[in-house]
Amino acid sequence: GLGQAYPSVKKAALSFLFSADQVLSFLEKTEDFPLPETGEDVVYLVTEDGVYTRRIRREGLKEEPKEIGFLYYLYQNLLLEIGKAMEADGKK
């Protein structure tokens, strides 16, 4: 997978996973998986206890608890690294 071929993806994914415990109490358990609305991101964490989610509006990020800002940063960083890896794979 990408994590094996690209250490930056592995590092970003591990940072996201290892930090999940810090934000889980700010998420809600869900069984629904709707697409995000314009201007928002939806983060899902899959645990042994079920799936947890949080909708994050980019415009309102400053009003969110710092833990949600941290989650958003980790999530965006992971997506960035995946995008870079996919772009690099496309150039090979």
N, C-alpha and C. Protein backbone atom coordinates (compact mmCIF):
# COMPACT_ATOMS: atom_id res chain seq x y z
N GLY A 1 0.80 -1.18 0.00
CA GLY A 1 0.00 0.00 0.00
C GLY A 1 0.85 1.26 0.00
N LEU A 2 0.19 2.38 0.00
CA LEU A 2 0.88 3.68 -0.02
C LEU A 2 1.78 3.87 1.19
N GLY A 3 1.34 3.36 2.34
CA GLY A 3 2.14 3.52 3.56
C GLY A 3 3.47 2.80 3.50
N GLN A 4 3.50 1.70 2.77
CA GLN A 4 4.76 0.96 2.62
C GLN A 4 5.67 1.65 1.62
N ALA A 5 5.09 2.17 0.56
CA ALA A 5 5.89 2.80 -0.49
C ALA A 5 6.29 4.23 -0.14
N TYR A 6 5.50 4.89 0.72
CA TYR A 6 5.74 6.29 1.04
C TYR A 6 5.77 6.48 2.55
N PRO A 7 6.96 6.62 3.12
CA PRO A 7 7.06 6.80 4.57
C PRO A 7 6.27 8.00 5.10
N SER A 8 6.12 9.04 4.28
CA SER A 8 5.38 10.23 4.73
C SER A 8 3.90 9.90 4.94
N VAL A 9 3.35 9.01 4.12
CA VAL A 9 1.96 8.59 4.29
C VAL A 9 1.83 7.76 5.56
N LYS A 10 2.77 6.87 5.77
CA LYS A 10 2.75 6.03 6.98
C LYS A 10 2.84 6.90 8.24
N LYS A 11 3.74 7.87 8.22
CA LYS A 11 3.90 8.75 9.38
C LYS A 11 2.63 9.55 9.66
N ALA A 12 2.02 10.10 8.61
CA ALA A 12 0.78 10.88 8.77
C ALA A 12 -0.36 10.00 9.27
N ALA A 13 -0.45 8.77 8.74
CA ALA A 13 -1.51 7.85 9.17
C ALA A 13 -1.32 7.44 10.62
N LEU A 14 -0.11 7.16 11.01
CA LEU A 14 0.16 6.78 12.40
C LEU A 14 -0.12 7.93 13.36
N SER A 15 0.24 9.14 12.98
CA SER A 15 -0.05 10.31 13.81
C SER A 15 -1.55 10.45 14.01
N PHE A 16 -2.30 10.27 12.93
CA PHE A 16 -3.76 10.36 13.00
C PHE A 16 -4.30 9.27 13.93
N LEU A 17 -3.85 8.05 13.74
CA LEU A 17 -4.36 6.93 14.54
C LEU A 17 -3.98 7.04 16.01
N PHE A 18 -2.74 7.39 16.28
CA PHE A 18 -2.29 7.47 17.67
C PHE A 18 -2.94 8.62 18.42
N SER A 19 -3.44 9.61 17.70
CA SER A 19 -4.07 10.76 18.34
C SER A 19 -5.58 10.61 18.47
N ALA A 20 -6.13 9.56 17.90
CA ALA A 20 -7.58 9.38 17.88
C ALA A 20 -8.18 9.35 19.28
N ASP A 21 -7.48 8.74 20.22
CA ASP A 21 -7.97 8.67 21.60
C ASP A 21 -8.20 10.05 22.21
N GLN A 22 -7.40 11.02 21.82
CA GLN A 22 -7.50 12.37 22.38
C GLN A 22 -8.78 13.09 21.93
N VAL A 23 -9.37 12.66 20.81
CA VAL A 23 -10.52 13.38 20.26
C VAL A 23 -11.81 12.58 20.27
N LEU A 24 -11.72 11.31 20.61
CA LEU A 24 -12.90 10.45 20.53
C LEU A 24 -14.09 10.99 21.33
N SER A 25 -13.83 11.59 22.47
CA SER A 25 -14.93 12.11 23.29
C SER A 25 -15.63 13.31 22.64
N PHE A 26 -15.05 13.87 21.60
CA PHE A 26 -15.65 15.00 20.88
C PHE A 26 -16.43 14.56 19.66
N LEU A 27 -16.48 13.25 19.41
CA LEU A 27 -17.19 12.69 18.27
C LEU A 27 -18.45 11.99 18.72
N GLU A 28 -19.34 11.74 17.78
CA GLU A 28 -20.60 11.05 18.07
C GLU A 28 -20.60 9.70 17.38
N LYS A 29 -21.17 8.72 18.04
CA LYS A 29 -21.31 7.40 17.43
C LYS A 29 -22.34 7.51 16.31
N THR A 30 -22.09 6.80 15.21
CA THR A 30 -22.99 6.89 14.06
C THR A 30 -23.13 5.56 13.34
N GLU A 31 -24.23 5.46 12.64
CA GLU A 31 -24.45 4.35 11.72
C GLU A 31 -24.80 4.89 10.34
N ASP A 32 -24.77 6.23 10.19
CA ASP A 32 -25.06 6.90 8.93
C ASP A 32 -23.79 7.50 8.37
N PHE A 33 -23.68 7.50 7.05
CA PHE A 33 -22.47 7.99 6.42
C PHE A 33 -22.79 8.92 5.24
N PRO A 34 -23.46 10.04 5.53
CA PRO A 34 -23.82 10.97 4.44
C PRO A 34 -22.58 11.70 3.92
N LEU A 35 -22.70 12.16 2.69
CA LEU A 35 -21.62 12.95 2.10
C LEU A 35 -21.55 14.31 2.79
N PRO A 36 -20.38 14.92 2.82
CA PRO A 36 -20.27 16.24 3.45
C PRO A 36 -20.98 17.31 2.63
N GLU A 37 -21.44 18.33 3.32
CA GLU A 37 -22.02 19.49 2.67
C GLU A 37 -20.87 20.35 2.14
N THR A 38 -21.19 21.31 1.29
CA THR A 38 -20.19 22.24 0.79
C THR A 38 -19.57 22.99 1.97
N GLY A 39 -18.25 23.06 2.00
CA GLY A 39 -17.56 23.80 3.06
C GLY A 39 -17.34 23.02 4.33
N GLU A 40 -17.61 21.73 4.32
CA GLU A 40 -17.38 20.94 5.53
C GLU A 40 -16.65 19.65 5.19
N ASP A 41 -16.03 19.10 6.19
CA ASP A 41 -15.40 17.80 6.10
C ASP A 41 -16.07 16.90 7.13
N VAL A 42 -16.10 15.62 6.84
CA VAL A 42 -16.64 14.65 7.78
C VAL A 42 -15.53 13.65 8.09
N VAL A 43 -15.20 13.53 9.35
CA VAL A 43 -14.16 12.61 9.79
C VAL A 43 -14.83 11.42 10.47
N TYR A 44 -14.37 10.25 10.14
CA TYR A 44 -14.87 9.02 10.76
C TYR A 44 -13.73 8.29 11.44
N LEU A 45 -13.97 7.80 12.62
CA LEU A 45 -13.03 6.93 13.31
C LEU A 45 -13.72 5.60 13.57
N VAL A 46 -13.12 4.53 13.10
CA VAL A 46 -13.67 3.19 13.29
C VAL A 46 -12.98 2.57 14.50
N THR A 47 -13.77 2.18 15.49
CA THR A 47 -13.23 1.58 16.71
C THR A 47 -13.87 0.22 16.93
N GLU A 48 -13.39 -0.49 17.93
CA GLU A 48 -14.01 -1.76 18.29
C GLU A 48 -15.43 -1.56 18.79
N ASP A 49 -15.71 -0.37 19.29
CA ASP A 49 -17.03 -0.03 19.83
C ASP A 49 -18.00 0.51 18.78
N GLY A 50 -17.54 0.73 17.58
CA GLY A 50 -18.38 1.28 16.53
C GLY A 50 -17.68 2.40 15.78
N VAL A 51 -18.46 3.11 14.97
CA VAL A 51 -17.93 4.20 14.15
C VAL A 51 -18.34 5.53 14.78
N TYR A 52 -17.37 6.42 14.89
CA TYR A 52 -17.60 7.75 15.44
C TYR A 52 -17.34 8.79 14.36
N THR A 53 -18.05 9.90 14.42
CA THR A 53 -17.92 10.91 13.38
C THR A 53 -17.97 12.32 13.95
N ARG A 54 -17.48 13.24 13.15
CA ARG A 54 -17.58 14.66 13.47
C ARG A 54 -17.59 15.43 12.16
N ARG A 55 -18.60 16.28 12.01
CA ARG A 55 -18.64 17.20 10.86
C ARG A 55 -17.88 18.45 11.27
N ILE A 56 -16.98 18.88 10.43
CA ILE A 56 -16.16 20.05 10.73
C ILE A 56 -16.36 21.07 9.62
N ARG A 57 -16.92 22.21 9.99
CA ARG A 57 -17.07 23.30 9.02
C ARG A 57 -15.81 24.14 9.04
N ARG A 58 -15.20 24.31 7.89
CA ARG A 58 -13.95 25.07 7.81
C ARG A 58 -14.12 26.50 8.31
N GLU A 59 -15.27 27.09 8.01
CA GLU A 59 -15.52 28.48 8.42
C GLU A 59 -15.60 28.61 9.94
N GLY A 60 -16.08 27.58 10.62
CA GLY A 60 -16.26 27.65 12.06
C GLY A 60 -15.18 26.95 12.86
N LEU A 61 -14.09 26.63 12.22
CA LEU A 61 -13.04 25.85 12.88
C LEU A 61 -12.47 26.58 14.11
N LYS A 62 -12.38 27.90 14.05
CA LYS A 62 -11.81 28.65 15.17
C LYS A 62 -12.69 28.58 16.42
N GLU A 63 -13.98 28.34 16.23
CA GLU A 63 -14.89 28.24 17.37
C GLU A 63 -14.95 26.83 17.95
N GLU A 64 -14.35 25.88 17.28
CA GLU A 64 -14.36 24.49 17.75
C GLU A 64 -13.36 24.30 18.89
N PRO A 65 -13.55 23.28 19.70
CA PRO A 65 -12.54 22.97 20.73
C PRO A 65 -11.19 22.69 20.07
N LYS A 66 -10.12 22.97 20.78
CA LYS A 66 -8.78 22.81 20.20
C LYS A 66 -8.53 21.37 19.75
N GLU A 67 -9.18 20.42 20.39
CA GLU A 67 -9.01 19.02 19.99
C GLU A 67 -9.56 18.77 18.58
N ILE A 68 -10.62 19.46 18.23
CA ILE A 68 -11.19 19.32 16.89
C ILE A 68 -10.28 19.98 15.87
N GLY A 69 -9.69 21.10 16.22
CA GLY A 69 -8.69 21.73 15.35
C GLY A 69 -7.50 20.80 15.11
N PHE A 70 -7.08 20.12 16.17
CA PHE A 70 -5.98 19.15 16.08
C PHE A 70 -6.37 17.99 15.17
N LEU A 71 -7.59 17.46 15.34
CA LEU A 71 -8.09 16.38 14.50
C LEU A 71 -8.12 16.83 13.03
N TYR A 72 -8.61 18.03 12.80
CA TYR A 72 -8.70 18.56 11.44
C TYR A 72 -7.30 18.67 10.82
N TYR A 73 -6.35 19.16 11.58
CA TYR A 73 -4.97 19.27 11.08
C TYR A 73 -4.43 17.89 10.70
N LEU A 74 -4.59 16.91 11.57
CA LEU A 74 -4.08 15.56 11.30
C LEU A 74 -4.75 14.95 10.07
N TYR A 75 -6.06 15.15 9.98
CA TYR A 75 -6.83 14.63 8.85
C TYR A 75 -6.37 15.27 7.54
N GLN A 76 -6.23 16.59 7.53
CA GLN A 76 -5.79 17.29 6.33
C GLN A 76 -4.37 16.89 5.95
N ASN A 77 -3.51 16.72 6.95
CA ASN A 77 -2.14 16.31 6.68
C ASN A 77 -2.10 14.92 6.03
N LEU A 78 -2.91 14.01 6.52
CA LEU A 78 -2.97 12.67 5.95
C LEU A 78 -3.46 12.74 4.50
N LEU A 79 -4.51 13.50 4.25
CA LEU A 79 -5.01 13.64 2.88
C LEU A 79 -3.95 14.25 1.95
N LEU A 80 -3.22 15.23 2.45
CA LEU A 80 -2.16 15.86 1.67
C LEU A 80 -1.09 14.84 1.28
N GLU A 81 -0.65 14.05 2.25
CA GLU A 81 0.39 13.06 1.98
C GLU A 81 -0.09 11.97 1.02
N ILE A 82 -1.34 11.57 1.15
CA ILE A 82 -1.91 10.59 0.21
C ILE A 82 -1.95 11.18 -1.20
N GLY A 83 -2.36 12.43 -1.30
CA GLY A 83 -2.40 13.11 -2.60
C GLY A 83 -1.03 13.20 -3.24
N LYS A 84 -0.02 13.55 -2.44
CA LYS A 84 1.35 13.62 -2.97
C LYS A 84 1.81 12.25 -3.46
N ALA A 85 1.51 11.22 -2.70
CA ALA A 85 1.92 9.86 -3.08
C ALA A 85 1.21 9.43 -4.36
N MET A 86 -0.06 9.71 -4.47
CA MET A 86 -0.80 9.33 -5.67
C MET A 86 -0.29 10.09 -6.90
N GLU A 87 0.04 11.35 -6.69
CA GLU A 87 0.60 12.14 -7.78
C GLU A 87 1.95 11.57 -8.20
N ALA A 88 2.78 11.21 -7.24
CA ALA A 88 4.09 10.63 -7.56
C ALA A 88 3.92 9.29 -8.28
N ASP A 89 2.95 8.49 -7.86
CA ASP A 89 2.69 7.21 -8.53
C ASP A 89 2.26 7.44 -9.98
N GLY A 90 1.51 8.48 -10.21
CA GLY A 90 1.05 8.79 -11.56
C GLY A 90 2.16 9.22 -12.48
N LYS A 91 3.25 9.72 -11.91
CA LYS A 91 4.38 10.18 -12.71
C LYS A 91 5.35 9.06 -13.04
N LYS A 92 5.18 7.91 -12.37
CA LYS A 92 6.11 6.79 -12.60
C LYS A 92 5.77 6.06 -13.88
